[in-house]
Amino acid sequence: MITIDVEELGARTTAIIAQVGSGATYVVMMAGRPAAALIPIEDAKDHVLADDDRYTGIRRRSRGAYADGRTTNLKNLS
């Protein structure tokens, strides 16, 4: 991750966003402290999915089923 201050982000926004679009990640500092992260959209999609209630519900039920021994053989899925 590349660390930049908020003033540099303001001065170089277009170039920095282009770099993020190409896979770079940035931590934006404000008053010497981390204030934000700039990450590629592909990575953000993973974060959004991980917090989606539908996904977390499925994951929770699946873990419960696995713990209870209620699993499905891959051959039975086709």
N, C-alpha and C. Protein backbone atom coordinates (compact mmCIF):
# COMPACT_ATOMS: atom_id res chain seq x y z
N MET A 1 0.83 -1.18 0.00
CA MET A 1 0.00 0.00 0.00
C MET A 1 0.88 1.24 0.00
N ILE A 2 0.45 2.20 -0.76
CA ILE A 2 1.15 3.47 -0.85
C ILE A 2 0.46 4.44 0.09
N THR A 3 1.24 5.18 0.85
CA THR A 3 0.69 6.17 1.77
C THR A 3 0.86 7.56 1.18
N ILE A 4 -0.23 8.34 1.16
CA ILE A 4 -0.19 9.72 0.68
C ILE A 4 -0.98 10.59 1.64
N ASP A 5 -0.68 11.88 1.65
CA ASP A 5 -1.50 12.76 2.48
C ASP A 5 -2.64 13.34 1.64
N VAL A 6 -3.63 13.85 2.31
CA VAL A 6 -4.84 14.31 1.65
C VAL A 6 -4.55 15.45 0.67
N GLU A 7 -3.55 16.27 0.97
CA GLU A 7 -3.20 17.36 0.06
C GLU A 7 -2.66 16.81 -1.26
N GLU A 8 -1.83 15.77 -1.18
CA GLU A 8 -1.30 15.16 -2.40
C GLU A 8 -2.43 14.52 -3.20
N LEU A 9 -3.37 13.89 -2.52
CA LEU A 9 -4.52 13.33 -3.22
C LEU A 9 -5.28 14.43 -3.96
N GLY A 10 -5.47 15.56 -3.32
CA GLY A 10 -6.17 16.67 -3.96
C GLY A 10 -5.44 17.18 -5.18
N ALA A 11 -4.12 17.19 -5.12
CA ALA A 11 -3.32 17.71 -6.23
C ALA A 11 -3.18 16.72 -7.37
N ARG A 12 -3.28 15.42 -7.07
CA ARG A 12 -3.01 14.39 -8.09
C ARG A 12 -4.16 13.39 -8.22
N THR A 13 -5.38 13.82 -7.97
CA THR A 13 -6.52 12.91 -7.93
C THR A 13 -6.64 12.05 -9.18
N THR A 14 -6.61 12.64 -10.36
CA THR A 14 -6.80 11.89 -11.59
C THR A 14 -5.73 10.81 -11.76
N ALA A 15 -4.48 11.16 -11.53
CA ALA A 15 -3.39 10.19 -11.68
C ALA A 15 -3.50 9.07 -10.65
N ILE A 16 -3.84 9.42 -9.42
CA ILE A 16 -3.95 8.41 -8.37
C ILE A 16 -5.11 7.47 -8.64
N ILE A 17 -6.25 8.01 -9.06
CA ILE A 17 -7.40 7.15 -9.37
C ILE A 17 -7.06 6.22 -10.53
N ALA A 18 -6.32 6.71 -11.51
CA ALA A 18 -5.89 5.85 -12.63
C ALA A 18 -5.02 4.72 -12.12
N GLN A 19 -4.12 5.01 -11.19
CA GLN A 19 -3.27 3.96 -10.62
C GLN A 19 -4.09 2.95 -9.83
N VAL A 20 -5.06 3.43 -9.08
CA VAL A 20 -5.94 2.52 -8.33
C VAL A 20 -6.71 1.64 -9.31
N GLY A 21 -7.16 2.21 -10.41
CA GLY A 21 -7.85 1.43 -11.43
C GLY A 21 -6.97 0.35 -12.04
N SER A 22 -5.66 0.54 -11.95
CA SER A 22 -4.71 -0.46 -12.46
C SER A 22 -4.23 -1.41 -11.38
N GLY A 23 -4.80 -1.30 -10.17
CA GLY A 23 -4.48 -2.27 -9.12
C GLY A 23 -3.74 -1.73 -7.91
N ALA A 24 -3.30 -0.47 -7.94
CA ALA A 24 -2.59 0.09 -6.78
C ALA A 24 -3.56 0.34 -5.63
N THR A 25 -3.04 0.31 -4.43
CA THR A 25 -3.85 0.65 -3.25
C THR A 25 -3.16 1.78 -2.50
N TYR A 26 -3.95 2.65 -1.94
CA TYR A 26 -3.44 3.82 -1.22
C TYR A 26 -4.10 3.94 0.14
N VAL A 27 -3.32 4.42 1.11
CA VAL A 27 -3.86 4.85 2.39
C VAL A 27 -3.72 6.37 2.40
N VAL A 28 -4.82 7.06 2.59
CA VAL A 28 -4.82 8.52 2.61
C VAL A 28 -4.70 8.97 4.06
N MET A 29 -3.69 9.79 4.32
CA MET A 29 -3.42 10.28 5.67
C MET A 29 -3.98 11.69 5.83
N MET A 30 -4.53 11.95 7.00
CA MET A 30 -5.04 13.27 7.32
C MET A 30 -4.54 13.61 8.72
N ALA A 31 -3.81 14.69 8.84
CA ALA A 31 -3.22 15.09 10.12
C ALA A 31 -2.35 13.97 10.70
N GLY A 32 -1.64 13.26 9.80
CA GLY A 32 -0.73 12.22 10.24
C GLY A 32 -1.37 10.89 10.61
N ARG A 33 -2.67 10.76 10.38
CA ARG A 33 -3.37 9.52 10.74
C ARG A 33 -4.09 8.96 9.52
N PRO A 34 -4.20 7.64 9.42
CA PRO A 34 -4.94 7.05 8.30
C PRO A 34 -6.40 7.49 8.33
N ALA A 35 -6.90 7.98 7.20
CA ALA A 35 -8.28 8.46 7.13
C ALA A 35 -9.12 7.68 6.14
N ALA A 36 -8.48 7.13 5.12
CA ALA A 36 -9.24 6.42 4.08
C ALA A 36 -8.31 5.48 3.33
N ALA A 37 -8.92 4.52 2.66
CA ALA A 37 -8.17 3.62 1.79
C ALA A 37 -8.78 3.70 0.40
N LEU A 38 -7.93 3.75 -0.59
CA LEU A 38 -8.37 3.70 -1.99
C LEU A 38 -7.96 2.33 -2.52
N ILE A 39 -8.94 1.54 -2.92
CA ILE A 39 -8.67 0.18 -3.40
C ILE A 39 -9.37 -0.03 -4.73
N PRO A 40 -8.85 -0.94 -5.56
CA PRO A 40 -9.52 -1.24 -6.83
C PRO A 40 -10.94 -1.75 -6.59
N ILE A 41 -11.82 -1.46 -7.53
CA ILE A 41 -13.24 -1.83 -7.39
C ILE A 41 -13.42 -3.33 -7.22
N GLU A 42 -12.56 -4.14 -7.83
CA GLU A 42 -12.68 -5.59 -7.69
C GLU A 42 -12.52 -5.99 -6.22
N ASP A 43 -11.60 -5.35 -5.52
CA ASP A 43 -11.41 -5.63 -4.09
C ASP A 43 -12.59 -5.14 -3.27
N ALA A 44 -13.14 -4.01 -3.65
CA ALA A 44 -14.29 -3.46 -2.93
C ALA A 44 -15.50 -4.38 -3.06
N LYS A 45 -15.67 -5.00 -4.23
CA LYS A 45 -16.79 -5.92 -4.42
C LYS A 45 -16.70 -7.07 -3.42
N ASP A 46 -15.49 -7.56 -3.16
CA ASP A 46 -15.32 -8.63 -2.18
C ASP A 46 -15.74 -8.16 -0.79
N HIS A 47 -15.41 -6.94 -0.43
CA HIS A 47 -15.79 -6.40 0.88
C HIS A 47 -17.31 -6.25 0.99
N VAL A 48 -17.93 -5.78 -0.07
CA VAL A 48 -19.38 -5.59 -0.06
C VAL A 48 -20.07 -6.94 0.09
N LEU A 49 -19.62 -7.94 -0.65
CA LEU A 49 -20.22 -9.27 -0.57
C LEU A 49 -20.05 -9.85 0.83
N ALA A 50 -18.89 -9.67 1.41
CA ALA A 50 -18.62 -10.24 2.73
C ALA A 50 -19.55 -9.68 3.79
N ASP A 51 -20.06 -8.47 3.59
CA ASP A 51 -20.95 -7.85 4.57
C ASP A 51 -22.42 -7.93 4.18
N ASP A 52 -22.74 -8.50 3.03
CA ASP A 52 -24.12 -8.59 2.57
C ASP A 52 -24.90 -9.57 3.45
N ASP A 53 -26.05 -9.15 3.94
CA ASP A 53 -26.85 -10.00 4.85
C ASP A 53 -27.22 -11.33 4.22
N ARG A 54 -27.54 -11.34 2.93
CA ARG A 54 -27.90 -12.60 2.27
C ARG A 54 -26.71 -13.56 2.28
N TYR A 55 -25.53 -13.03 1.96
CA TYR A 55 -24.34 -13.87 1.91
C TYR A 55 -23.96 -14.37 3.30
N THR A 56 -23.98 -13.48 4.29
CA THR A 56 -23.60 -13.91 5.63
C THR A 56 -24.60 -14.91 6.19
N GLY A 57 -25.88 -14.78 5.84
CA GLY A 57 -26.88 -15.76 6.28
C GLY A 57 -26.62 -17.13 5.68
N ILE A 58 -26.33 -17.16 4.39
CA ILE A 58 -26.02 -18.43 3.72
C ILE A 58 -24.77 -19.04 4.34
N ARG A 59 -23.76 -18.22 4.57
CA ARG A 59 -22.51 -18.71 5.15
C ARG A 59 -22.76 -19.27 6.54
N ARG A 60 -23.55 -18.57 7.36
CA ARG A 60 -23.85 -19.03 8.73
C ARG A 60 -24.62 -20.35 8.70
N ARG A 61 -25.64 -20.44 7.83
CA ARG A 61 -26.42 -21.69 7.73
C ARG A 61 -25.55 -22.84 7.23
N SER A 62 -24.67 -22.55 6.28
CA SER A 62 -23.80 -23.59 5.74
C SER A 62 -22.84 -24.12 6.80
N ARG A 63 -22.28 -23.21 7.58
CA ARG A 63 -21.38 -23.65 8.65
C ARG A 63 -22.13 -24.49 9.69
N GLY A 64 -23.36 -24.09 10.00
CA GLY A 64 -24.17 -24.87 10.93
C GLY A 64 -24.48 -26.25 10.40
N ALA A 65 -24.83 -26.32 9.11
CA ALA A 65 -25.12 -27.62 8.49
C ALA A 65 -23.88 -28.50 8.49
N TYR A 66 -22.74 -27.92 8.20
CA TYR A 66 -21.49 -28.68 8.19
C TYR A 66 -21.19 -29.20 9.60
N ALA A 67 -21.35 -28.35 10.59
CA ALA A 67 -21.09 -28.75 11.98
C ALA A 67 -22.02 -29.87 12.42
N ASP A 68 -23.25 -29.88 11.89
CA ASP A 68 -24.24 -30.91 12.23
C ASP A 68 -24.09 -32.16 11.37
N GLY A 69 -23.14 -32.15 10.45
CA GLY A 69 -22.94 -33.31 9.57
C GLY A 69 -23.89 -33.36 8.40
N ARG A 70 -24.62 -32.28 8.16
CA ARG A 70 -25.55 -32.22 7.04
C ARG A 70 -24.84 -31.63 5.83
N THR A 71 -24.18 -32.48 5.07
CA THR A 71 -23.45 -32.04 3.89
C THR A 71 -23.97 -32.74 2.65
N THR A 72 -23.62 -32.22 1.49
CA THR A 72 -24.04 -32.81 0.22
C THR A 72 -22.81 -33.19 -0.57
N ASN A 73 -22.80 -34.39 -1.07
CA ASN A 73 -21.72 -34.85 -1.93
C ASN A 73 -21.80 -34.12 -3.26
N LEU A 74 -20.66 -33.74 -3.82
CA LEU A 74 -20.65 -33.02 -5.10
C LEU A 74 -21.34 -33.81 -6.21
N LYS A 75 -21.27 -35.13 -6.17
CA LYS A 75 -21.93 -35.95 -7.20
C LYS A 75 -23.44 -35.74 -7.18
N ASN A 76 -24.00 -35.42 -6.02
CA ASN A 76 -25.45 -35.24 -5.90
C ASN A 76 -25.92 -33.87 -6.38
N LEU A 77 -25.01 -32.96 -6.68
CA LEU A 77 -25.39 -31.62 -7.10
C LEU A 77 -25.71 -31.54 -8.58
N SER A 78 -25.25 -32.48 -9.38
CA SER A 78 -25.49 -32.39 -10.83
C SER A 78 -26.74 -33.12 -11.26
